[in-house]
Amino acid sequence: MQTLTLDQANRIAAAALGAARRDGFRAMALVVLDAAGQLKLATREDGATPLRVDIAHGKAAAAFGMGVNTRTLHERASANPVFFNAIAPAHGGKFIAQTGAVVIVSADGQVLGAIGASGGTGDEDEAICIEGLRAAGLAHR
């Protein structure tokens, strides 16, 4: 069974934040969760507002907990707001169905964790997560 290492998480974060700087995005925060849904890495760039880590964590936890990216969850939440509004309190507040997080998978499709970002638009957050995973040789869903 493959696991997500701290070294991989650091490489993902470095590449993701490098992409954010290259593209001129606002200061970002990133959270990487492992295959148990537990915190592997959290980082907040200088200038990122204090809530960014919590938001990134909520996005990553939502993607991990539901097994799909938060873009899909956001679409589903629009169609079923009562259900989705009930999940966050049931999950201790760590559930944000807003674009900006993806499930991390190995080349053979094994779930390794999730990554969430906050600081830019949802599209920007999602883009840097995906770029970080590609740089580490990992896939997403």
N, C-alpha and C. Protein backbone atom coordinates (compact mmCIF):
# COMPACT_ATOMS: atom_id res chain seq x y z
N MET A 1 0.84 -1.19 0.00
CA MET A 1 0.00 0.00 0.00
C MET A 1 0.87 1.24 0.00
N GLN A 2 0.66 2.10 -0.97
CA GLN A 2 1.42 3.33 -1.07
C GLN A 2 0.88 4.36 -0.08
N THR A 3 1.77 5.15 0.49
CA THR A 3 1.35 6.23 1.39
C THR A 3 1.93 7.54 0.90
N LEU A 4 1.31 8.61 1.29
CA LEU A 4 1.79 9.95 0.97
C LEU A 4 2.82 10.33 2.02
N THR A 5 4.04 10.58 1.59
CA THR A 5 5.11 10.92 2.53
C THR A 5 5.15 12.43 2.79
N LEU A 6 5.80 12.79 3.86
CA LEU A 6 5.98 14.21 4.16
C LEU A 6 6.82 14.88 3.07
N ASP A 7 7.81 14.15 2.56
CA ASP A 7 8.62 14.69 1.46
C ASP A 7 7.75 15.00 0.25
N GLN A 8 6.84 14.09 -0.09
CA GLN A 8 5.94 14.34 -1.22
C GLN A 8 5.04 15.54 -0.94
N ALA A 9 4.51 15.61 0.27
CA ALA A 9 3.64 16.73 0.64
C ALA A 9 4.39 18.06 0.53
N ASN A 10 5.64 18.07 0.96
CA ASN A 10 6.45 19.29 0.84
C ASN A 10 6.70 19.66 -0.62
N ARG A 11 6.96 18.66 -1.46
CA ARG A 11 7.17 18.93 -2.89
C ARG A 11 5.89 19.44 -3.55
N ILE A 12 4.76 18.86 -3.18
CA ILE A 12 3.47 19.33 -3.70
C ILE A 12 3.26 20.79 -3.32
N ALA A 13 3.46 21.10 -2.05
CA ALA A 13 3.25 22.47 -1.57
C ALA A 13 4.20 23.45 -2.24
N ALA A 14 5.46 23.09 -2.37
CA ALA A 14 6.43 23.98 -2.99
C ALA A 14 6.05 24.28 -4.44
N ALA A 15 5.64 23.25 -5.17
CA ALA A 15 5.26 23.45 -6.57
C ALA A 15 3.97 24.25 -6.68
N ALA A 16 3.02 23.97 -5.81
CA ALA A 16 1.75 24.70 -5.84
C ALA A 16 1.96 26.18 -5.53
N LEU A 17 2.72 26.45 -4.49
CA LEU A 17 2.96 27.85 -4.14
C LEU A 17 3.84 28.55 -5.18
N GLY A 18 4.76 27.80 -5.77
CA GLY A 18 5.55 28.35 -6.87
C GLY A 18 4.67 28.75 -8.04
N ALA A 19 3.66 27.94 -8.34
CA ALA A 19 2.73 28.26 -9.42
C ALA A 19 1.91 29.51 -9.07
N ALA A 20 1.52 29.63 -7.82
CA ALA A 20 0.75 30.81 -7.39
C ALA A 20 1.58 32.08 -7.54
N ARG A 21 2.85 32.00 -7.17
CA ARG A 21 3.72 33.18 -7.31
C ARG A 21 3.95 33.48 -8.79
N ARG A 22 4.22 32.46 -9.59
CA ARG A 22 4.46 32.65 -11.02
C ARG A 22 3.27 33.33 -11.71
N ASP A 23 2.05 32.92 -11.29
CA ASP A 23 0.85 33.43 -11.93
C ASP A 23 0.29 34.69 -11.28
N GLY A 24 0.97 35.19 -10.25
CA GLY A 24 0.57 36.44 -9.62
C GLY A 24 -0.69 36.37 -8.77
N PHE A 25 -0.99 35.18 -8.23
CA PHE A 25 -2.17 35.03 -7.37
C PHE A 25 -1.91 35.67 -6.01
N ARG A 26 -2.98 35.93 -5.29
CA ARG A 26 -2.85 36.45 -3.92
C ARG A 26 -2.15 35.40 -3.05
N ALA A 27 -1.72 35.82 -1.87
CA ALA A 27 -1.05 34.92 -0.93
C ALA A 27 -1.98 33.75 -0.58
N MET A 28 -1.41 32.56 -0.57
CA MET A 28 -2.18 31.32 -0.43
C MET A 28 -1.86 30.57 0.86
N ALA A 29 -2.80 29.71 1.22
CA ALA A 29 -2.59 28.69 2.24
C ALA A 29 -2.93 27.35 1.60
N LEU A 30 -2.21 26.32 2.03
CA LEU A 30 -2.43 24.96 1.53
C LEU A 30 -2.53 24.00 2.70
N VAL A 31 -3.37 23.00 2.54
CA VAL A 31 -3.45 21.91 3.50
C VAL A 31 -3.43 20.61 2.74
N VAL A 32 -2.59 19.68 3.18
CA VAL A 32 -2.51 18.34 2.60
C VAL A 32 -2.92 17.35 3.69
N LEU A 33 -3.87 16.49 3.34
CA LEU A 33 -4.32 15.43 4.24
C LEU A 33 -3.80 14.09 3.75
N ASP A 34 -3.58 13.16 4.67
CA ASP A 34 -3.10 11.82 4.30
C ASP A 34 -4.27 10.88 4.03
N ALA A 35 -3.97 9.61 3.84
CA ALA A 35 -4.99 8.61 3.48
C ALA A 35 -5.96 8.31 4.61
N ALA A 36 -5.70 8.80 5.80
CA ALA A 36 -6.64 8.67 6.90
C ALA A 36 -7.44 9.96 7.09
N GLY A 37 -7.22 10.93 6.21
CA GLY A 37 -7.90 12.21 6.32
C GLY A 37 -7.31 13.12 7.39
N GLN A 38 -6.11 12.77 7.86
CA GLN A 38 -5.46 13.55 8.90
C GLN A 38 -4.46 14.54 8.30
N LEU A 39 -4.22 15.61 9.01
CA LEU A 39 -3.31 16.65 8.56
C LEU A 39 -1.91 16.11 8.34
N LYS A 40 -1.40 16.30 7.13
CA LYS A 40 -0.02 15.93 6.80
C LYS A 40 0.84 17.18 6.75
N LEU A 41 0.28 18.26 6.18
CA LEU A 41 1.04 19.50 6.04
C LEU A 41 0.07 20.66 5.93
N ALA A 42 0.41 21.75 6.58
CA ALA A 42 -0.33 23.01 6.42
C ALA A 42 0.69 24.12 6.29
N THR A 43 0.45 25.02 5.36
CA THR A 43 1.36 26.14 5.18
C THR A 43 0.57 27.37 4.75
N ARG A 44 1.04 28.52 5.18
CA ARG A 44 0.39 29.79 4.85
C ARG A 44 1.46 30.78 4.46
N GLU A 45 1.32 31.30 3.25
CA GLU A 45 2.30 32.26 2.76
C GLU A 45 2.20 33.57 3.55
N ASP A 46 3.31 34.28 3.57
CA ASP A 46 3.30 35.62 4.14
C ASP A 46 2.23 36.44 3.44
N GLY A 47 1.42 37.12 4.22
CA GLY A 47 0.38 37.95 3.65
C GLY A 47 -0.96 37.27 3.49
N ALA A 48 -1.01 35.96 3.62
CA ALA A 48 -2.31 35.26 3.54
C ALA A 48 -3.08 35.55 4.83
N THR A 49 -4.35 35.81 4.69
CA THR A 49 -5.16 36.15 5.86
C THR A 49 -5.29 34.94 6.79
N PRO A 50 -5.53 35.19 8.08
CA PRO A 50 -5.52 34.12 9.07
C PRO A 50 -6.48 32.96 8.83
N LEU A 51 -7.65 33.21 8.26
CA LEU A 51 -8.62 32.13 8.06
C LEU A 51 -8.28 31.22 6.89
N ARG A 52 -7.30 31.56 6.09
CA ARG A 52 -7.00 30.79 4.88
C ARG A 52 -6.65 29.34 5.17
N VAL A 53 -5.92 29.06 6.24
CA VAL A 53 -5.57 27.66 6.56
C VAL A 53 -6.83 26.88 6.90
N ASP A 54 -7.72 27.47 7.70
CA ASP A 54 -8.97 26.78 8.06
C ASP A 54 -9.82 26.52 6.83
N ILE A 55 -9.87 27.48 5.92
CA ILE A 55 -10.66 27.30 4.70
C ILE A 55 -10.06 26.20 3.83
N ALA A 56 -8.73 26.24 3.64
CA ALA A 56 -8.07 25.20 2.86
C ALA A 56 -8.29 23.82 3.48
N HIS A 57 -8.24 23.76 4.81
CA HIS A 57 -8.48 22.48 5.51
C HIS A 57 -9.91 22.01 5.28
N GLY A 58 -10.87 22.92 5.38
CA GLY A 58 -12.26 22.56 5.16
C GLY A 58 -12.52 22.05 3.75
N LYS A 59 -11.86 22.67 2.77
CA LYS A 59 -11.99 22.21 1.38
C LYS A 59 -11.38 20.82 1.21
N ALA A 60 -10.16 20.64 1.75
CA ALA A 60 -9.48 19.34 1.62
C ALA A 60 -10.29 18.24 2.32
N ALA A 61 -10.82 18.55 3.50
CA ALA A 61 -11.61 17.56 4.25
C ALA A 61 -12.88 17.20 3.50
N ALA A 62 -13.50 18.17 2.86
CA ALA A 62 -14.71 17.89 2.07
C ALA A 62 -14.39 16.97 0.90
N ALA A 63 -13.33 17.30 0.17
CA ALA A 63 -12.95 16.46 -0.97
C ALA A 63 -12.62 15.04 -0.50
N PHE A 64 -11.83 14.94 0.56
CA PHE A 64 -11.45 13.63 1.07
C PHE A 64 -12.68 12.85 1.55
N GLY A 65 -13.50 13.49 2.35
CA GLY A 65 -14.64 12.82 2.95
C GLY A 65 -15.68 12.32 1.96
N MET A 66 -15.83 13.05 0.85
CA MET A 66 -16.81 12.67 -0.16
C MET A 66 -16.18 11.96 -1.35
N GLY A 67 -14.84 11.95 -1.41
CA GLY A 67 -14.14 11.20 -2.45
C GLY A 67 -14.13 11.84 -3.83
N VAL A 68 -14.45 13.14 -3.90
CA VAL A 68 -14.44 13.86 -5.17
C VAL A 68 -13.94 15.28 -4.96
N ASN A 69 -13.57 15.92 -6.05
CA ASN A 69 -13.08 17.30 -5.94
C ASN A 69 -14.19 18.23 -5.48
N THR A 70 -13.80 19.36 -4.94
CA THR A 70 -14.79 20.29 -4.39
C THR A 70 -15.53 21.05 -5.49
N ARG A 71 -15.03 21.07 -6.70
CA ARG A 71 -15.80 21.65 -7.81
C ARG A 71 -17.10 20.85 -7.98
N THR A 72 -16.97 19.52 -7.96
CA THR A 72 -18.14 18.65 -8.06
C THR A 72 -19.05 18.82 -6.85
N LEU A 73 -18.45 18.93 -5.67
CA LEU A 73 -19.26 19.11 -4.46
C LEU A 73 -20.02 20.43 -4.49
N HIS A 74 -19.38 21.47 -4.99
CA HIS A 74 -20.04 22.77 -5.10
C HIS A 74 -21.27 22.67 -6.00
N GLU A 75 -21.13 21.96 -7.11
CA GLU A 75 -22.26 21.76 -8.03
C GLU A 75 -23.37 20.97 -7.34
N ARG A 76 -23.00 19.93 -6.62
CA ARG A 76 -23.99 19.12 -5.92
C ARG A 76 -24.69 19.93 -4.82
N ALA A 77 -23.93 20.78 -4.13
CA ALA A 77 -24.49 21.59 -3.05
C ALA A 77 -25.53 22.57 -3.57
N SER A 78 -25.33 23.06 -4.76
CA SER A 78 -26.30 23.98 -5.36
C SER A 78 -27.65 23.31 -5.55
N ALA A 79 -27.63 22.02 -5.83
CA ALA A 79 -28.87 21.27 -6.06
C ALA A 79 -29.48 20.73 -4.76
N ASN A 80 -28.68 20.66 -3.70
CA ASN A 80 -29.15 20.06 -2.45
C ASN A 80 -28.60 20.82 -1.25
N PRO A 81 -28.93 22.11 -1.09
CA PRO A 81 -28.31 22.93 -0.05
C PRO A 81 -28.60 22.47 1.37
N VAL A 82 -29.78 21.95 1.64
CA VAL A 82 -30.10 21.53 3.00
C VAL A 82 -29.16 20.43 3.46
N PHE A 83 -28.95 19.43 2.62
CA PHE A 83 -28.05 18.34 2.96
C PHE A 83 -26.62 18.86 3.18
N PHE A 84 -26.12 19.66 2.25
CA PHE A 84 -24.75 20.14 2.36
C PHE A 84 -24.56 21.10 3.52
N ASN A 85 -25.56 21.88 3.85
CA ASN A 85 -25.46 22.77 5.02
C ASN A 85 -25.43 21.98 6.33
N ALA A 86 -25.92 20.77 6.32
CA ALA A 86 -25.91 19.93 7.52
C ALA A 86 -24.59 19.20 7.72
N ILE A 87 -23.82 19.04 6.65
CA ILE A 87 -22.58 18.26 6.76
C ILE A 87 -21.52 18.97 7.60
N ALA A 88 -21.32 20.27 7.40
CA ALA A 88 -20.25 20.98 8.12
C ALA A 88 -20.40 20.84 9.64
N PRO A 89 -21.56 21.10 10.23
CA PRO A 89 -21.66 20.92 11.68
C PRO A 89 -21.47 19.47 12.10
N ALA A 90 -21.95 18.54 11.29
CA ALA A 90 -21.80 17.12 11.62
C ALA A 90 -20.35 16.67 11.54
N HIS A 91 -19.53 17.42 10.81
CA HIS A 91 -18.12 17.07 10.63
C HIS A 91 -17.21 18.03 11.39
N GLY A 92 -17.72 18.65 12.42
CA GLY A 92 -16.91 19.54 13.25
C GLY A 92 -16.49 20.81 12.53
N GLY A 93 -17.24 21.22 11.53
CA GLY A 93 -16.93 22.45 10.81
C GLY A 93 -15.93 22.30 9.70
N LYS A 94 -15.31 21.14 9.57
CA LYS A 94 -14.28 20.92 8.54
C LYS A 94 -14.91 20.34 7.27
N PHE A 95 -15.75 21.14 6.63
CA PHE A 95 -16.36 20.71 5.38
C PHE A 95 -16.79 21.95 4.61
N ILE A 96 -16.04 22.28 3.57
CA ILE A 96 -16.37 23.44 2.75
C ILE A 96 -16.45 22.97 1.31
N ALA A 97 -17.67 22.98 0.77
CA ALA A 97 -17.90 22.51 -0.60
C ALA A 97 -17.73 23.68 -1.58
N GLN A 98 -16.53 24.21 -1.63
CA GLN A 98 -16.19 25.32 -2.52
C GLN A 98 -15.00 24.90 -3.37
N THR A 99 -15.02 25.21 -4.64
CA THR A 99 -13.93 24.85 -5.54
C THR A 99 -12.59 25.24 -4.95
N GLY A 100 -11.62 24.30 -5.02
CA GLY A 100 -10.27 24.58 -4.54
C GLY A 100 -9.58 23.43 -3.87
N ALA A 101 -10.15 22.23 -3.99
CA ALA A 101 -9.52 21.04 -3.40
C ALA A 101 -9.78 19.83 -4.27
N VAL A 102 -8.82 18.90 -4.25
CA VAL A 102 -8.94 17.65 -5.01
C VAL A 102 -8.46 16.49 -4.16
N VAL A 103 -8.93 15.30 -4.52
CA VAL A 103 -8.47 14.06 -3.90
C VAL A 103 -7.16 13.67 -4.56
N ILE A 104 -6.17 13.30 -3.76
CA ILE A 104 -4.86 12.87 -4.27
C ILE A 104 -4.91 11.37 -4.51
N VAL A 105 -4.54 10.96 -5.72
CA VAL A 105 -4.50 9.53 -6.04
C VAL A 105 -3.15 9.17 -6.67
N SER A 106 -2.76 7.93 -6.45
CA SER A 106 -1.53 7.41 -7.04
C SER A 106 -1.78 7.10 -8.51
N ALA A 107 -0.73 6.74 -9.22
CA ALA A 107 -0.85 6.41 -10.64
C ALA A 107 -1.82 5.25 -10.87
N ASP A 108 -1.91 4.33 -9.87
CA ASP A 108 -2.82 3.18 -10.02
C ASP A 108 -4.20 3.44 -9.43
N GLY A 109 -4.49 4.69 -9.05
CA GLY A 109 -5.82 5.06 -8.58
C GLY A 109 -6.07 4.93 -7.09
N GLN A 110 -5.05 4.61 -6.32
CA GLN A 110 -5.21 4.49 -4.87
C GLN A 110 -5.32 5.87 -4.24
N VAL A 111 -6.31 6.08 -3.38
CA VAL A 111 -6.47 7.35 -2.68
C VAL A 111 -5.35 7.51 -1.65
N LEU A 112 -4.62 8.63 -1.77
CA LEU A 112 -3.51 8.91 -0.86
C LEU A 112 -3.82 10.05 0.10
N GLY A 113 -4.89 10.81 -0.17
CA GLY A 113 -5.23 11.95 0.67
C GLY A 113 -5.98 12.99 -0.11
N ALA A 114 -5.80 14.24 0.27
CA ALA A 114 -6.45 15.35 -0.42
C ALA A 114 -5.62 16.60 -0.20
N ILE A 115 -5.79 17.57 -1.09
CA ILE A 115 -5.14 18.87 -0.95
C ILE A 115 -6.16 19.96 -1.19
N GLY A 116 -6.11 20.98 -0.36
CA GLY A 116 -6.98 22.13 -0.52
C GLY A 116 -6.16 23.41 -0.45
N ALA A 117 -6.62 24.42 -1.15
CA ALA A 117 -5.95 25.72 -1.15
C ALA A 117 -6.98 26.81 -0.92
N SER A 118 -6.52 27.94 -0.40
CA SER A 118 -7.37 29.10 -0.22
C SER A 118 -6.52 30.35 -0.33
N GLY A 119 -7.08 31.35 -0.96
CA GLY A 119 -6.39 32.63 -1.11
C GLY A 119 -6.78 33.32 -2.39
N GLY A 120 -6.98 32.55 -3.43
CA GLY A 120 -7.38 33.10 -4.71
C GLY A 120 -8.83 32.79 -4.99
N THR A 121 -9.19 32.82 -6.25
CA THR A 121 -10.52 32.34 -6.63
C THR A 121 -10.53 30.82 -6.49
N GLY A 122 -11.70 30.23 -6.52
CA GLY A 122 -11.77 28.77 -6.47
C GLY A 122 -10.99 28.13 -7.61
N ASP A 123 -11.10 28.71 -8.80
CA ASP A 123 -10.37 28.18 -9.95
C ASP A 123 -8.86 28.26 -9.74
N GLU A 124 -8.40 29.38 -9.19
CA GLU A 124 -6.96 29.54 -8.92
C GLU A 124 -6.50 28.54 -7.87
N ASP A 125 -7.29 28.40 -6.81
CA ASP A 125 -6.95 27.46 -5.74
C ASP A 125 -6.84 26.04 -6.29
N GLU A 126 -7.82 25.65 -7.07
CA GLU A 126 -7.81 24.31 -7.66
C GLU A 126 -6.62 24.12 -8.60
N ALA A 127 -6.33 25.12 -9.41
CA ALA A 127 -5.23 25.02 -10.38
C ALA A 127 -3.89 24.79 -9.69
N ILE A 128 -3.63 25.49 -8.58
CA ILE A 128 -2.33 25.28 -7.94
C ILE A 128 -2.26 23.92 -7.26
N CYS A 129 -3.38 23.44 -6.74
CA CYS A 129 -3.40 22.09 -6.15
C CYS A 129 -3.02 21.06 -7.22
N ILE A 130 -3.64 21.17 -8.37
CA ILE A 130 -3.37 20.22 -9.46
C ILE A 130 -1.94 20.34 -9.94
N GLU A 131 -1.44 21.56 -10.06
CA GLU A 131 -0.05 21.73 -10.50
C GLU A 131 0.93 21.14 -9.50
N GLY A 132 0.65 21.29 -8.22
CA GLY A 132 1.51 20.69 -7.20
C GLY A 132 1.53 19.18 -7.29
N LEU A 133 0.40 18.57 -7.53
CA LEU A 133 0.33 17.12 -7.65
C LEU A 133 1.07 16.63 -8.89
N ARG A 134 0.89 17.32 -10.00
CA ARG A 134 1.61 16.93 -11.22
C ARG A 134 3.12 16.98 -11.01
N ALA A 135 3.58 18.02 -10.32
CA ALA A 135 5.02 18.16 -10.08
C ALA A 135 5.56 17.01 -9.24
N ALA A 136 4.71 16.45 -8.39
CA ALA A 136 5.13 15.32 -7.54
C ALA A 136 4.82 13.97 -8.18
N GLY A 137 4.34 13.98 -9.41
CA GLY A 137 4.05 12.73 -10.11
C GLY A 137 2.80 12.03 -9.63
N LEU A 138 1.87 12.80 -9.09
CA LEU A 138 0.62 12.22 -8.57
C LEU A 138 -0.56 12.72 -9.39
N ALA A 139 -1.67 12.03 -9.25
CA ALA A 139 -2.88 12.37 -10.01
C ALA A 139 -3.94 12.88 -9.02
N HIS A 140 -5.10 13.20 -9.56
CA HIS A 140 -6.18 13.72 -8.73
C HIS A 140 -7.52 13.31 -9.31
N ARG A 141 -8.53 13.47 -8.47
CA ARG A 141 -9.92 13.33 -8.95
C ARG A 141 -10.79 14.27 -8.15
